[in-house]
Amino acid sequence: MNRGAPIVVVDDDDAHRDLVAHLLGVVAPESSVLALGPEDGDALAELAPFGALVLLDRRLGSRDAREIIRPLRRARADVEVVVMSAFVTPEDRVICHAAGAHSTFQKPGDLNGWRSVLMSLFDDDQPALQAA
């Protein structure tokens, strides 16, 4: 992903959403970051800037990310969707990929882990993001 691409972070956990948005400002200061809550999931096709990277939590309250990914990808082929979750199984990766996600990653437990994973979004040589 291009470091200057706009980024949209969608998470129902305010602390995670704010942390990710803040760290993206550090690792990719040339990107604009839009932080959204689960209530904005259905409006992503309208809210996401052209060519955006969408970081989408796997579970948004009672909703599964697949419910958001499918219509988003149908409406917006220009966006890249990456799913993040507290726990990711190989089956989750397959399911998210089938829904249209480009990749998935497990949310790290510390700041250094977050920084590393977020930096890997912009580096094709980093193994931190696994293809879905």
Protein backbone atom coordinates (compact mmCIF):
# COMPACT_ATOMS: atom_id res chain seq x y z
CA MET A 1 0.00 0.00 0.00
CA ASN A 2 1.18 3.50 -0.80
CA ARG A 3 2.15 5.50 2.32
CA GLY A 4 0.17 8.48 1.07
CA ALA A 5 -3.07 6.52 0.61
CA PRO A 6 -5.97 7.52 2.84
CA ILE A 7 -6.71 5.07 5.66
CA VAL A 8 -10.03 4.32 7.33
CA VAL A 9 -10.04 2.55 10.71
CA VAL A 10 -13.32 0.92 11.76
CA ASP A 11 -13.46 -0.63 15.23
CA ASP A 12 -16.12 -0.84 17.93
CA ASP A 13 -13.46 -0.54 20.65
CA ASP A 14 -12.80 3.18 21.04
CA ALA A 15 -9.37 2.63 22.62
CA HIS A 16 -8.18 0.34 19.80
CA ARG A 17 -9.59 2.63 17.13
CA ASP A 18 -7.89 5.70 18.65
CA LEU A 19 -4.62 3.83 19.19
CA VAL A 20 -4.50 2.58 15.60
CA ALA A 21 -5.37 6.03 14.22
CA HIS A 22 -2.67 7.65 16.36
CA LEU A 23 0.01 5.12 15.44
CA LEU A 24 -0.86 5.40 11.75
CA GLY A 25 -0.19 9.12 12.09
CA VAL A 26 3.27 8.20 13.36
CA VAL A 27 4.20 5.44 10.88
CA ALA A 28 2.51 7.02 7.85
CA PRO A 29 2.27 10.77 8.49
CA GLU A 30 1.66 11.43 4.81
CA SER A 31 -1.62 9.47 4.96
CA SER A 32 -4.90 10.93 6.12
CA VAL A 33 -6.63 8.77 8.74
CA LEU A 34 -10.38 8.58 9.28
CA ALA A 35 -11.49 6.76 12.45
CA LEU A 36 -15.04 5.40 12.41
CA GLY A 37 -17.23 3.37 14.73
CA PRO A 38 -19.39 0.35 14.00
CA GLU A 39 -22.39 2.57 13.26
CA ASP A 40 -20.55 3.76 10.15
CA GLY A 41 -19.99 0.29 8.68
CA ASP A 42 -22.88 0.42 6.24
CA ALA A 43 -21.82 3.86 5.01
CA LEU A 44 -18.21 2.92 4.24
CA ALA A 45 -18.81 2.95 0.49
CA GLU A 46 -19.75 6.63 0.76
CA LEU A 47 -17.32 7.61 3.55
CA ALA A 48 -14.07 5.98 2.40
CA PRO A 49 -11.91 8.26 0.25
CA PHE A 50 -10.87 7.03 -3.19
CA GLY A 51 -8.13 4.39 -3.02
CA ALA A 52 -8.42 4.01 0.75
CA LEU A 53 -7.03 1.24 2.88
CA VAL A 54 -9.85 0.14 5.20
CA LEU A 55 -8.75 -1.51 8.47
CA LEU A 56 -11.87 -3.29 9.65
CA ASP A 57 -12.37 -5.05 12.97
CA ARG A 58 -13.55 -8.66 12.48
CA ARG A 59 -16.38 -8.26 14.99
CA LEU A 60 -18.23 -4.96 15.22
CA GLY A 61 -20.56 -5.48 18.13
CA SER A 62 -22.92 -8.21 17.00
CA ARG A 63 -21.93 -7.86 13.33
CA ASP A 64 -19.35 -9.87 11.46
CA ALA A 65 -17.02 -7.94 9.14
CA ARG A 66 -18.21 -10.04 6.19
CA GLU A 67 -21.56 -8.23 6.34
CA ILE A 68 -19.69 -5.01 5.65
CA ILE A 69 -16.94 -6.25 3.32
CA ARG A 70 -19.17 -7.80 0.66
CA PRO A 71 -21.27 -4.72 -0.16
CA LEU A 72 -18.25 -2.43 0.25
CA ARG A 73 -16.18 -4.40 -2.27
CA ARG A 74 -19.13 -4.61 -4.70
CA ALA A 75 -19.55 -0.84 -4.59
CA ARG A 76 -15.87 0.15 -4.32
CA ALA A 77 -13.24 -1.85 -6.19
CA ASP A 78 -10.73 0.94 -5.44
CA VAL A 79 -10.52 0.23 -1.68
CA GLU A 80 -8.31 -2.36 -0.05
CA VAL A 81 -9.81 -4.08 3.00
CA VAL A 82 -7.66 -5.51 5.77
CA VAL A 83 -9.38 -7.29 8.64
CA MET A 84 -7.99 -7.11 12.15
CA SER A 85 -9.10 -9.20 15.11
CA ALA A 86 -8.09 -10.12 18.64
CA PHE A 87 -7.75 -13.72 17.46
CA VAL A 88 -7.42 -14.96 13.87
CA THR A 89 -7.66 -18.59 12.82
CA PRO A 90 -6.74 -20.00 9.41
CA GLU A 91 -10.48 -20.44 8.82
CA ASP A 92 -11.04 -16.74 9.58
CA ARG A 93 -8.48 -15.85 6.92
CA VAL A 94 -10.26 -17.98 4.31
CA ILE A 95 -13.68 -16.60 5.25
CA CYS A 96 -12.51 -12.98 5.14
CA HIS A 97 -10.74 -13.51 1.83
CA ALA A 98 -13.87 -15.07 0.34
CA ALA A 99 -15.82 -11.98 1.44
CA GLY A 100 -13.34 -9.69 -0.33
CA ALA A 101 -10.69 -8.82 2.26
CA HIS A 102 -7.14 -8.54 0.97
CA SER A 103 -5.56 -9.77 4.21
CA THR A 104 -6.06 -10.28 7.94
CA PHE A 105 -3.98 -9.78 11.03
CA GLN A 106 -4.22 -10.47 14.72
CA LYS A 107 -4.25 -7.36 16.91
CA PRO A 108 -0.94 -7.16 18.77
CA GLY A 109 -0.84 -6.96 22.55
CA ASP A 110 1.67 -4.11 22.87
CA LEU A 111 2.70 -0.86 21.23
CA ASN A 112 5.79 -2.26 19.52
CA GLY A 113 3.67 -5.02 18.01
CA TRP A 114 1.12 -2.49 16.75
CA ARG A 115 3.84 -0.31 15.27
CA SER A 116 5.38 -3.31 13.50
CA VAL A 117 2.08 -4.55 12.07
CA LEU A 118 1.02 -1.10 10.91
CA MET A 119 4.39 -0.45 9.27
CA SER A 120 4.04 -3.78 7.46
CA LEU A 121 0.92 -2.45 5.74
CA PHE A 122 3.27 -0.35 3.63
CA ASP A 123 6.04 -2.91 3.14
CA ASP A 124 5.42 -5.90 0.86
CA ASP A 125 8.50 -7.64 2.27
CA GLN A 126 7.13 -7.77 5.83
CA PRO A 127 5.50 -11.07 6.81
CA ALA A 128 3.34 -9.50 9.55
CA LEU A 129 0.26 -9.38 7.34
CA GLN A 130 -0.85 -12.72 6.07
CA ALA A 131 -2.79 -12.94 2.86
CA ALA A 132 -6.35 -13.79 3.69
